[in-house]
N, C-alpha and C. Protein backbone atom coordinates (compact mmCIF):
# COMPACT_ATOMS: atom_id res chain seq x y z
N MET A 1 7.14 18.50 -2.22
CA MET A 1 7.55 17.33 -1.44
C MET A 1 8.43 16.45 -2.30
N ASP A 2 9.51 16.02 -1.72
CA ASP A 2 10.48 15.15 -2.39
C ASP A 2 9.93 13.73 -2.44
N ILE A 3 9.84 13.17 -3.64
CA ILE A 3 9.46 11.77 -3.83
C ILE A 3 10.59 11.13 -4.62
N ARG A 4 11.08 10.01 -4.10
CA ARG A 4 12.21 9.36 -4.76
C ARG A 4 12.18 7.86 -4.47
N PRO A 5 12.95 7.09 -5.25
CA PRO A 5 13.03 5.66 -4.96
C PRO A 5 13.65 5.42 -3.59
N ALA A 6 13.13 4.45 -2.86
CA ALA A 6 13.67 4.09 -1.56
C ALA A 6 14.97 3.32 -1.74
N LEU A 7 15.92 3.65 -0.89
CA LEU A 7 17.24 3.02 -0.90
C LEU A 7 17.45 2.28 0.41
N PRO A 8 18.48 1.43 0.51
CA PRO A 8 18.72 0.72 1.76
C PRO A 8 18.81 1.64 2.98
N ASP A 9 19.36 2.83 2.81
CA ASP A 9 19.45 3.76 3.93
C ASP A 9 18.08 4.26 4.40
N ASP A 10 17.03 4.06 3.60
CA ASP A 10 15.68 4.50 3.94
C ASP A 10 14.91 3.49 4.78
N VAL A 11 15.49 2.32 5.03
CA VAL A 11 14.76 1.28 5.78
C VAL A 11 14.24 1.79 7.12
N PRO A 12 15.04 2.48 7.95
CA PRO A 12 14.48 2.97 9.22
C PRO A 12 13.31 3.94 9.02
N GLU A 13 13.41 4.82 8.03
CA GLU A 13 12.32 5.76 7.75
C GLU A 13 11.07 5.03 7.28
N LEU A 14 11.23 4.05 6.40
CA LEU A 14 10.08 3.26 5.93
C LEU A 14 9.42 2.54 7.11
N ALA A 15 10.22 1.94 7.97
CA ALA A 15 9.68 1.23 9.13
C ALA A 15 8.89 2.18 10.03
N ASP A 16 9.47 3.35 10.30
CA ASP A 16 8.78 4.32 11.16
C ASP A 16 7.48 4.81 10.53
N LEU A 17 7.52 5.11 9.23
CA LEU A 17 6.30 5.55 8.55
C LEU A 17 5.24 4.45 8.57
N HIS A 18 5.66 3.22 8.34
CA HIS A 18 4.72 2.10 8.30
C HIS A 18 4.03 1.93 9.65
N VAL A 19 4.80 1.97 10.72
CA VAL A 19 4.23 1.83 12.07
C VAL A 19 3.27 2.98 12.35
N THR A 20 3.68 4.20 12.05
CA THR A 20 2.83 5.37 12.28
C THR A 20 1.53 5.26 11.50
N CYS A 21 1.64 4.93 10.23
CA CYS A 21 0.44 4.86 9.38
C CYS A 21 -0.49 3.74 9.82
N TRP A 22 0.06 2.60 10.26
CA TRP A 22 -0.80 1.52 10.76
C TRP A 22 -1.58 1.98 11.98
N HIS A 23 -0.92 2.67 12.89
CA HIS A 23 -1.62 3.17 14.08
C HIS A 23 -2.71 4.16 13.68
N GLU A 24 -2.38 5.07 12.80
CA GLU A 24 -3.34 6.09 12.39
C GLU A 24 -4.50 5.53 11.57
N THR A 25 -4.23 4.54 10.74
CA THR A 25 -5.23 4.02 9.81
C THR A 25 -6.09 2.92 10.41
N TYR A 26 -5.47 2.01 11.16
CA TYR A 26 -6.17 0.79 11.54
C TYR A 26 -6.68 0.74 12.97
N THR A 27 -6.38 1.75 13.78
CA THR A 27 -6.94 1.77 15.13
C THR A 27 -8.47 1.78 15.01
N GLY A 28 -9.10 0.84 15.68
CA GLY A 28 -10.55 0.70 15.60
C GLY A 28 -11.00 -0.28 14.52
N LEU A 29 -10.12 -0.60 13.57
CA LEU A 29 -10.45 -1.57 12.51
C LEU A 29 -9.78 -2.92 12.75
N VAL A 30 -8.64 -2.88 13.43
CA VAL A 30 -7.84 -4.07 13.72
C VAL A 30 -7.57 -4.04 15.23
N PRO A 31 -7.64 -5.19 15.90
CA PRO A 31 -7.37 -5.20 17.34
C PRO A 31 -6.01 -4.58 17.68
N ALA A 32 -5.97 -3.87 18.80
CA ALA A 32 -4.76 -3.16 19.22
C ALA A 32 -3.55 -4.09 19.32
N GLU A 33 -3.77 -5.34 19.76
CA GLU A 33 -2.63 -6.25 19.89
C GLU A 33 -2.04 -6.62 18.53
N GLU A 34 -2.86 -6.62 17.49
CA GLU A 34 -2.34 -6.89 16.14
C GLU A 34 -1.56 -5.69 15.61
N ILE A 35 -2.05 -4.50 15.90
CA ILE A 35 -1.31 -3.30 15.50
C ILE A 35 0.04 -3.27 16.23
N ALA A 36 0.03 -3.56 17.51
CA ALA A 36 1.26 -3.57 18.30
C ALA A 36 2.24 -4.63 17.82
N ARG A 37 1.73 -5.75 17.37
CA ARG A 37 2.58 -6.84 16.88
C ARG A 37 3.37 -6.42 15.64
N HIS A 38 2.81 -5.53 14.85
CA HIS A 38 3.47 -5.03 13.64
C HIS A 38 4.32 -3.82 14.02
N ASP A 39 5.31 -4.09 14.85
CA ASP A 39 6.13 -3.03 15.43
C ASP A 39 7.33 -2.66 14.55
N ARG A 40 8.14 -1.75 15.05
CA ARG A 40 9.27 -1.24 14.28
C ARG A 40 10.25 -2.36 13.92
N ALA A 41 10.52 -3.27 14.83
CA ALA A 41 11.46 -4.37 14.56
C ALA A 41 10.97 -5.22 13.39
N LEU A 42 9.69 -5.56 13.39
CA LEU A 42 9.13 -6.34 12.29
C LEU A 42 9.23 -5.56 10.98
N ARG A 43 8.88 -4.27 11.02
CA ARG A 43 8.92 -3.45 9.80
C ARG A 43 10.35 -3.24 9.31
N LEU A 44 11.32 -3.13 10.21
CA LEU A 44 12.71 -3.02 9.77
C LEU A 44 13.12 -4.25 8.97
N ARG A 45 12.78 -5.42 9.47
CA ARG A 45 13.11 -6.67 8.75
C ARG A 45 12.39 -6.72 7.42
N GLN A 46 11.11 -6.35 7.42
CA GLN A 46 10.31 -6.38 6.20
C GLN A 46 10.91 -5.48 5.12
N TRP A 47 11.19 -4.24 5.46
CA TRP A 47 11.68 -3.29 4.46
C TRP A 47 13.11 -3.59 4.04
N ASP A 48 13.93 -4.08 4.94
CA ASP A 48 15.28 -4.49 4.58
C ASP A 48 15.23 -5.59 3.53
N ARG A 49 14.34 -6.56 3.74
CA ARG A 49 14.18 -7.68 2.82
C ARG A 49 13.63 -7.20 1.47
N ARG A 50 12.59 -6.37 1.51
CA ARG A 50 11.96 -5.91 0.26
C ARG A 50 12.92 -5.12 -0.61
N ILE A 51 13.68 -4.22 0.00
CA ILE A 51 14.62 -3.42 -0.79
C ILE A 51 15.74 -4.31 -1.33
N ALA A 52 16.22 -5.25 -0.52
CA ALA A 52 17.28 -6.16 -0.97
C ALA A 52 16.81 -7.04 -2.12
N GLU A 53 15.54 -7.48 -2.09
CA GLU A 53 15.01 -8.33 -3.17
C GLU A 53 15.02 -7.61 -4.51
N GLY A 54 14.69 -6.34 -4.49
CA GLY A 54 14.70 -5.55 -5.71
C GLY A 54 13.61 -5.88 -6.71
N THR A 55 12.53 -6.54 -6.27
CA THR A 55 11.46 -6.93 -7.19
C THR A 55 10.31 -5.95 -7.23
N CYS A 56 10.32 -4.96 -6.33
CA CYS A 56 9.23 -3.99 -6.25
C CYS A 56 9.76 -2.59 -6.51
N ARG A 57 8.86 -1.73 -6.92
CA ARG A 57 9.18 -0.31 -7.00
C ARG A 57 8.65 0.32 -5.71
N ILE A 58 9.57 0.87 -4.94
CA ILE A 58 9.22 1.48 -3.65
C ILE A 58 9.62 2.95 -3.72
N MET A 59 8.63 3.80 -3.58
CA MET A 59 8.87 5.24 -3.59
C MET A 59 8.58 5.80 -2.21
N ILE A 60 9.39 6.75 -1.80
CA ILE A 60 9.24 7.34 -0.47
C ILE A 60 9.15 8.86 -0.57
N ALA A 61 8.30 9.42 0.24
CA ALA A 61 8.24 10.86 0.49
C ALA A 61 8.65 11.00 1.95
N PRO A 62 9.93 11.27 2.21
CA PRO A 62 10.43 11.27 3.59
C PRO A 62 9.56 12.11 4.53
N GLY A 63 9.26 11.50 5.67
CA GLY A 63 8.45 12.17 6.68
C GLY A 63 6.97 12.17 6.40
N ALA A 64 6.55 11.64 5.24
CA ALA A 64 5.14 11.73 4.85
C ALA A 64 4.50 10.40 4.45
N GLY A 65 5.20 9.57 3.67
CA GLY A 65 4.58 8.34 3.22
C GLY A 65 5.41 7.57 2.22
N PHE A 66 4.81 6.50 1.70
CA PHE A 66 5.50 5.64 0.74
C PHE A 66 4.47 4.87 -0.08
N ALA A 67 4.95 4.36 -1.22
CA ALA A 67 4.13 3.49 -2.07
C ALA A 67 5.00 2.33 -2.52
N GLN A 68 4.38 1.17 -2.65
CA GLN A 68 5.09 -0.04 -3.08
C GLN A 68 4.24 -0.77 -4.11
N ILE A 69 4.82 -1.01 -5.28
CA ILE A 69 4.15 -1.72 -6.36
C ILE A 69 5.08 -2.81 -6.86
N GLY A 70 4.49 -3.98 -7.14
CA GLY A 70 5.31 -5.08 -7.62
C GLY A 70 4.51 -6.07 -8.44
N PRO A 71 5.12 -7.19 -8.74
CA PRO A 71 4.44 -8.22 -9.52
C PRO A 71 3.22 -8.76 -8.77
N GLN A 72 2.22 -9.09 -9.53
CA GLN A 72 0.98 -9.66 -8.98
C GLN A 72 1.31 -10.92 -8.19
N ARG A 73 0.78 -11.02 -6.97
CA ARG A 73 1.04 -12.18 -6.11
C ARG A 73 0.01 -13.29 -6.30
N GLU A 74 -1.11 -13.00 -6.97
CA GLU A 74 -2.14 -14.01 -7.19
C GLU A 74 -2.13 -14.48 -8.64
N ALA A 75 -1.87 -15.76 -8.82
CA ALA A 75 -1.79 -16.31 -10.18
C ALA A 75 -3.08 -16.10 -10.96
N ALA A 76 -4.23 -16.25 -10.30
CA ALA A 76 -5.51 -16.09 -11.00
C ALA A 76 -5.69 -14.67 -11.53
N LEU A 77 -5.28 -13.68 -10.76
CA LEU A 77 -5.38 -12.29 -11.23
C LEU A 77 -4.37 -12.02 -12.34
N ALA A 78 -3.16 -12.55 -12.21
CA ALA A 78 -2.16 -12.38 -13.26
C ALA A 78 -2.66 -13.00 -14.57
N ALA A 79 -3.31 -14.16 -14.48
CA ALA A 79 -3.83 -14.82 -15.67
C ALA A 79 -4.93 -14.00 -16.34
N ARG A 80 -5.60 -13.14 -15.57
CA ARG A 80 -6.65 -12.27 -16.12
C ARG A 80 -6.08 -10.94 -16.62
N GLY A 81 -4.76 -10.80 -16.59
CA GLY A 81 -4.13 -9.59 -17.10
C GLY A 81 -3.80 -8.53 -16.08
N PHE A 82 -4.02 -8.82 -14.81
CA PHE A 82 -3.67 -7.89 -13.74
C PHE A 82 -2.28 -8.29 -13.23
N GLU A 83 -1.27 -7.91 -13.99
CA GLU A 83 0.09 -8.38 -13.73
C GLU A 83 0.81 -7.58 -12.64
N THR A 84 0.24 -6.46 -12.25
CA THR A 84 0.87 -5.59 -11.27
C THR A 84 -0.07 -5.43 -10.08
N GLU A 85 0.54 -5.27 -8.90
CA GLU A 85 -0.24 -5.11 -7.67
C GLU A 85 0.31 -3.94 -6.86
N LEU A 86 -0.60 -3.11 -6.38
CA LEU A 86 -0.24 -2.07 -5.43
C LEU A 86 -0.23 -2.73 -4.06
N TYR A 87 0.96 -2.94 -3.50
CA TYR A 87 1.08 -3.61 -2.21
C TYR A 87 0.77 -2.65 -1.07
N ALA A 88 1.19 -1.40 -1.22
CA ALA A 88 1.02 -0.44 -0.13
C ALA A 88 1.04 0.98 -0.66
N LEU A 89 0.19 1.80 -0.08
CA LEU A 89 0.21 3.24 -0.30
C LEU A 89 -0.22 3.86 1.02
N TYR A 90 0.73 4.40 1.74
CA TYR A 90 0.46 4.95 3.07
C TYR A 90 0.97 6.37 3.17
N LEU A 91 0.15 7.22 3.77
CA LEU A 91 0.52 8.58 4.11
C LEU A 91 0.17 8.82 5.57
N THR A 92 0.99 9.58 6.25
CA THR A 92 0.63 10.00 7.59
C THR A 92 -0.61 10.89 7.48
N ARG A 93 -1.38 10.97 8.52
CA ARG A 93 -2.57 11.84 8.50
C ARG A 93 -2.21 13.27 8.14
N ALA A 94 -1.10 13.75 8.68
CA ALA A 94 -0.69 15.14 8.43
C ALA A 94 -0.38 15.40 6.96
N ALA A 95 -0.03 14.35 6.21
CA ALA A 95 0.34 14.51 4.81
C ALA A 95 -0.82 14.29 3.85
N GLN A 96 -1.98 13.89 4.36
CA GLN A 96 -3.12 13.58 3.49
C GLN A 96 -3.83 14.83 3.01
N GLY A 97 -4.50 14.69 1.86
CA GLY A 97 -5.34 15.76 1.34
C GLY A 97 -4.60 16.84 0.57
N ARG A 98 -3.34 16.57 0.18
CA ARG A 98 -2.56 17.58 -0.55
C ARG A 98 -2.05 17.08 -1.89
N GLY A 99 -2.57 15.93 -2.36
CA GLY A 99 -2.14 15.40 -3.65
C GLY A 99 -0.93 14.50 -3.58
N LEU A 100 -0.39 14.30 -2.40
CA LEU A 100 0.80 13.49 -2.26
C LEU A 100 0.53 12.01 -2.54
N GLY A 101 -0.65 11.53 -2.18
CA GLY A 101 -0.99 10.13 -2.47
C GLY A 101 -0.99 9.86 -3.97
N ARG A 102 -1.58 10.75 -4.73
CA ARG A 102 -1.57 10.60 -6.20
C ARG A 102 -0.15 10.65 -6.74
N ALA A 103 0.66 11.56 -6.22
CA ALA A 103 2.03 11.69 -6.70
C ALA A 103 2.85 10.44 -6.37
N LEU A 104 2.71 9.91 -5.17
CA LEU A 104 3.41 8.68 -4.81
C LEU A 104 2.96 7.50 -5.67
N PHE A 105 1.66 7.40 -5.85
CA PHE A 105 1.08 6.33 -6.67
C PHE A 105 1.64 6.41 -8.09
N ALA A 106 1.61 7.59 -8.68
CA ALA A 106 2.11 7.78 -10.05
C ALA A 106 3.59 7.45 -10.15
N ALA A 107 4.37 7.87 -9.17
CA ALA A 107 5.81 7.59 -9.19
C ALA A 107 6.08 6.09 -9.08
N ALA A 108 5.32 5.41 -8.25
CA ALA A 108 5.52 3.97 -8.09
C ALA A 108 5.07 3.20 -9.33
N LEU A 109 4.05 3.69 -10.01
CA LEU A 109 3.56 3.02 -11.22
C LEU A 109 4.57 3.06 -12.35
N GLY A 110 5.26 4.18 -12.47
CA GLY A 110 6.22 4.32 -13.55
C GLY A 110 5.58 4.78 -14.83
N PRO A 111 6.34 4.75 -15.94
CA PRO A 111 5.90 5.38 -17.19
C PRO A 111 4.85 4.61 -17.99
N ALA A 112 4.69 3.33 -17.77
CA ALA A 112 3.76 2.56 -18.59
C ALA A 112 2.82 1.72 -17.74
N PRO A 113 1.98 2.36 -16.93
CA PRO A 113 1.09 1.57 -16.06
C PRO A 113 0.03 0.84 -16.88
N GLY A 114 -0.35 -0.30 -16.38
CA GLY A 114 -1.40 -1.08 -17.00
C GLY A 114 -2.44 -1.46 -15.97
N ARG A 115 -3.03 -2.61 -16.17
CA ARG A 115 -4.05 -3.11 -15.25
C ARG A 115 -3.38 -3.55 -13.95
N LEU A 116 -4.00 -3.21 -12.83
CA LEU A 116 -3.43 -3.60 -11.56
C LEU A 116 -4.50 -3.82 -10.52
N SER A 117 -4.06 -4.35 -9.38
CA SER A 117 -4.97 -4.66 -8.27
C SER A 117 -4.43 -4.07 -6.98
N ALA A 118 -5.30 -4.01 -5.99
CA ALA A 118 -4.92 -3.62 -4.63
C ALA A 118 -5.94 -4.20 -3.66
N MET A 119 -5.47 -4.50 -2.47
CA MET A 119 -6.35 -4.96 -1.39
C MET A 119 -6.47 -3.84 -0.37
N VAL A 120 -7.68 -3.65 0.14
CA VAL A 120 -7.94 -2.61 1.13
C VAL A 120 -8.75 -3.24 2.26
N LEU A 121 -8.40 -2.90 3.47
CA LEU A 121 -9.15 -3.38 4.62
C LEU A 121 -10.52 -2.70 4.65
N GLU A 122 -11.57 -3.49 4.74
CA GLU A 122 -12.92 -2.92 4.84
C GLU A 122 -12.97 -1.98 6.04
N GLY A 123 -13.56 -0.84 5.84
CA GLY A 123 -13.61 0.18 6.88
C GLY A 123 -12.60 1.29 6.64
N ASN A 124 -11.63 1.05 5.77
CA ASN A 124 -10.67 2.08 5.40
C ASN A 124 -11.30 2.90 4.27
N ASP A 125 -12.32 3.65 4.64
CA ASP A 125 -13.14 4.35 3.66
C ASP A 125 -12.36 5.39 2.86
N ARG A 126 -11.42 6.03 3.49
CA ARG A 126 -10.62 7.05 2.78
C ARG A 126 -9.87 6.41 1.62
N ALA A 127 -9.24 5.24 1.85
CA ALA A 127 -8.52 4.54 0.79
C ALA A 127 -9.48 4.09 -0.31
N CYS A 128 -10.63 3.57 0.08
CA CYS A 128 -11.61 3.13 -0.91
C CYS A 128 -12.04 4.29 -1.82
N ARG A 129 -12.33 5.42 -1.22
CA ARG A 129 -12.73 6.60 -2.02
C ARG A 129 -11.59 7.03 -2.94
N PHE A 130 -10.37 7.00 -2.43
CA PHE A 130 -9.21 7.38 -3.24
C PHE A 130 -9.07 6.46 -4.44
N TYR A 131 -9.10 5.15 -4.21
CA TYR A 131 -8.95 4.20 -5.32
C TYR A 131 -10.09 4.35 -6.34
N GLU A 132 -11.30 4.50 -5.86
CA GLU A 132 -12.43 4.67 -6.76
C GLU A 132 -12.28 5.96 -7.57
N ALA A 133 -11.78 7.01 -6.97
CA ALA A 133 -11.58 8.28 -7.68
C ALA A 133 -10.51 8.16 -8.76
N THR A 134 -9.62 7.19 -8.63
CA THR A 134 -8.58 6.99 -9.64
C THR A 134 -8.97 5.94 -10.67
N GLY A 135 -10.22 5.46 -10.59
CA GLY A 135 -10.72 4.54 -11.61
C GLY A 135 -10.82 3.09 -11.21
N ALA A 136 -10.53 2.76 -9.97
CA ALA A 136 -10.63 1.36 -9.53
C ALA A 136 -12.08 1.00 -9.28
N ARG A 137 -12.35 -0.29 -9.42
CA ARG A 137 -13.68 -0.81 -9.10
C ARG A 137 -13.52 -1.89 -8.03
N LEU A 138 -14.50 -1.92 -7.13
CA LEU A 138 -14.53 -2.97 -6.12
C LEU A 138 -14.94 -4.26 -6.82
N ALA A 139 -14.06 -5.26 -6.77
CA ALA A 139 -14.30 -6.51 -7.49
C ALA A 139 -14.74 -7.65 -6.58
N GLU A 140 -14.32 -7.61 -5.32
CA GLU A 140 -14.59 -8.77 -4.47
C GLU A 140 -14.36 -8.41 -3.00
N ARG A 141 -15.12 -9.07 -2.14
CA ARG A 141 -14.91 -9.00 -0.69
C ARG A 141 -14.37 -10.35 -0.27
N ARG A 142 -13.33 -10.33 0.56
CA ARG A 142 -12.69 -11.58 0.96
C ARG A 142 -12.50 -11.63 2.47
N PRO A 143 -13.03 -12.66 3.11
CA PRO A 143 -12.73 -12.83 4.54
C PRO A 143 -11.26 -13.21 4.70
N GLU A 144 -10.60 -12.60 5.65
CA GLU A 144 -9.17 -12.84 5.90
C GLU A 144 -8.92 -12.83 7.39
N ARG A 145 -7.68 -13.06 7.75
CA ARG A 145 -7.26 -12.98 9.15
C ARG A 145 -5.98 -12.16 9.22
N ILE A 146 -5.89 -11.34 10.24
CA ILE A 146 -4.64 -10.70 10.63
C ILE A 146 -4.39 -11.23 12.03
N GLY A 147 -3.46 -12.16 12.14
CA GLY A 147 -3.25 -12.83 13.42
C GLY A 147 -4.52 -13.56 13.80
N GLN A 148 -5.10 -13.23 14.94
CA GLN A 148 -6.33 -13.86 15.41
C GLN A 148 -7.58 -13.08 15.02
N ALA A 149 -7.40 -11.94 14.39
CA ALA A 149 -8.54 -11.08 14.05
C ALA A 149 -9.12 -11.46 12.69
N GLU A 150 -10.45 -11.60 12.66
CA GLU A 150 -11.13 -11.82 11.39
C GLU A 150 -11.46 -10.45 10.80
N ILE A 151 -11.07 -10.27 9.53
CA ILE A 151 -11.28 -9.01 8.84
C ILE A 151 -11.88 -9.30 7.47
N THR A 152 -12.22 -8.26 6.75
CA THR A 152 -12.64 -8.40 5.36
C THR A 152 -11.75 -7.51 4.51
N ASP A 153 -11.10 -8.13 3.52
CA ASP A 153 -10.32 -7.39 2.55
C ASP A 153 -11.19 -7.10 1.34
N LEU A 154 -10.98 -5.94 0.75
CA LEU A 154 -11.69 -5.55 -0.46
C LEU A 154 -10.69 -5.55 -1.60
N LEU A 155 -10.99 -6.31 -2.65
CA LEU A 155 -10.13 -6.35 -3.83
C LEU A 155 -10.58 -5.27 -4.80
N TYR A 156 -9.68 -4.35 -5.10
CA TYR A 156 -9.93 -3.31 -6.10
C TYR A 156 -9.12 -3.61 -7.34
N LEU A 157 -9.73 -3.37 -8.50
CA LEU A 157 -9.07 -3.58 -9.79
C LEU A 157 -9.15 -2.32 -10.64
N TRP A 158 -8.05 -2.01 -11.29
CA TRP A 158 -8.01 -0.97 -12.31
C TRP A 158 -7.92 -1.68 -13.65
N ASP A 159 -8.95 -1.53 -14.49
CA ASP A 159 -8.96 -2.17 -15.81
C ASP A 159 -8.08 -1.42 -16.81
N THR A 160 -7.83 -0.16 -16.52
CA THR A 160 -6.92 0.67 -17.31
C THR A 160 -6.03 1.41 -16.32
N ALA A 161 -5.05 2.10 -16.84
CA ALA A 161 -4.13 2.84 -15.98
C ALA A 161 -4.91 3.78 -15.07
N PRO A 162 -4.52 3.88 -13.81
CA PRO A 162 -5.20 4.80 -12.89
C PRO A 162 -5.19 6.25 -13.39
N ALA A 163 -6.27 6.94 -13.10
CA ALA A 163 -6.39 8.35 -13.47
C ALA A 163 -5.73 9.18 -12.38
N LEU A 164 -4.46 9.48 -12.60
CA LEU A 164 -3.71 10.22 -11.59
C LEU A 164 -3.34 11.59 -12.13
C-alpha cells in the first residue's frame, strides 16, 4: 500500500476518507445528526486549511486511510513533555487488520518520535486496543460535547516512542 505525505490535490480524497471513516467508526457512538453534520463540505474546508497551514504531518494511504500528527494543542500536556499529538488516525473498515494503521502511524511520526498524546472517543474499543498495543496508557476520561451530544473522550499518552 502506498503511503505518502498528503498534498493539496489530496484534499478531496482526505475529505471522502474522513466522512467514510466517521460513518463506519462512530455510528452508534455519536448521534446520527452529528455524523451527518460532519459532511464532505465541512471536511473539504478542514483539510484544505490543514494542508495550507503546513503545521502538521499528514500521511495518506489513498483509498484506505490517513494519519495526522502535529504540535500539542494543550499547554498543560506540552508542559509535561507531551509536545506532539496524534490528531487523527483513520482507516476504512476494509483496510483494517493488515498493518496499515501501524504503517500510517509510523510514517506520520517521522524519524524521531517522542512522547505524545491522542484522544479517543469512549466506545471506540478497536482504537483503544490499538493504542494500548503500541504502548499508550489511558491517562484520563474527559466529558466533552460534539454538537449537542455528550460524549466521553479518553486521553491516551505514550511516555516513550510508540512500539510500531
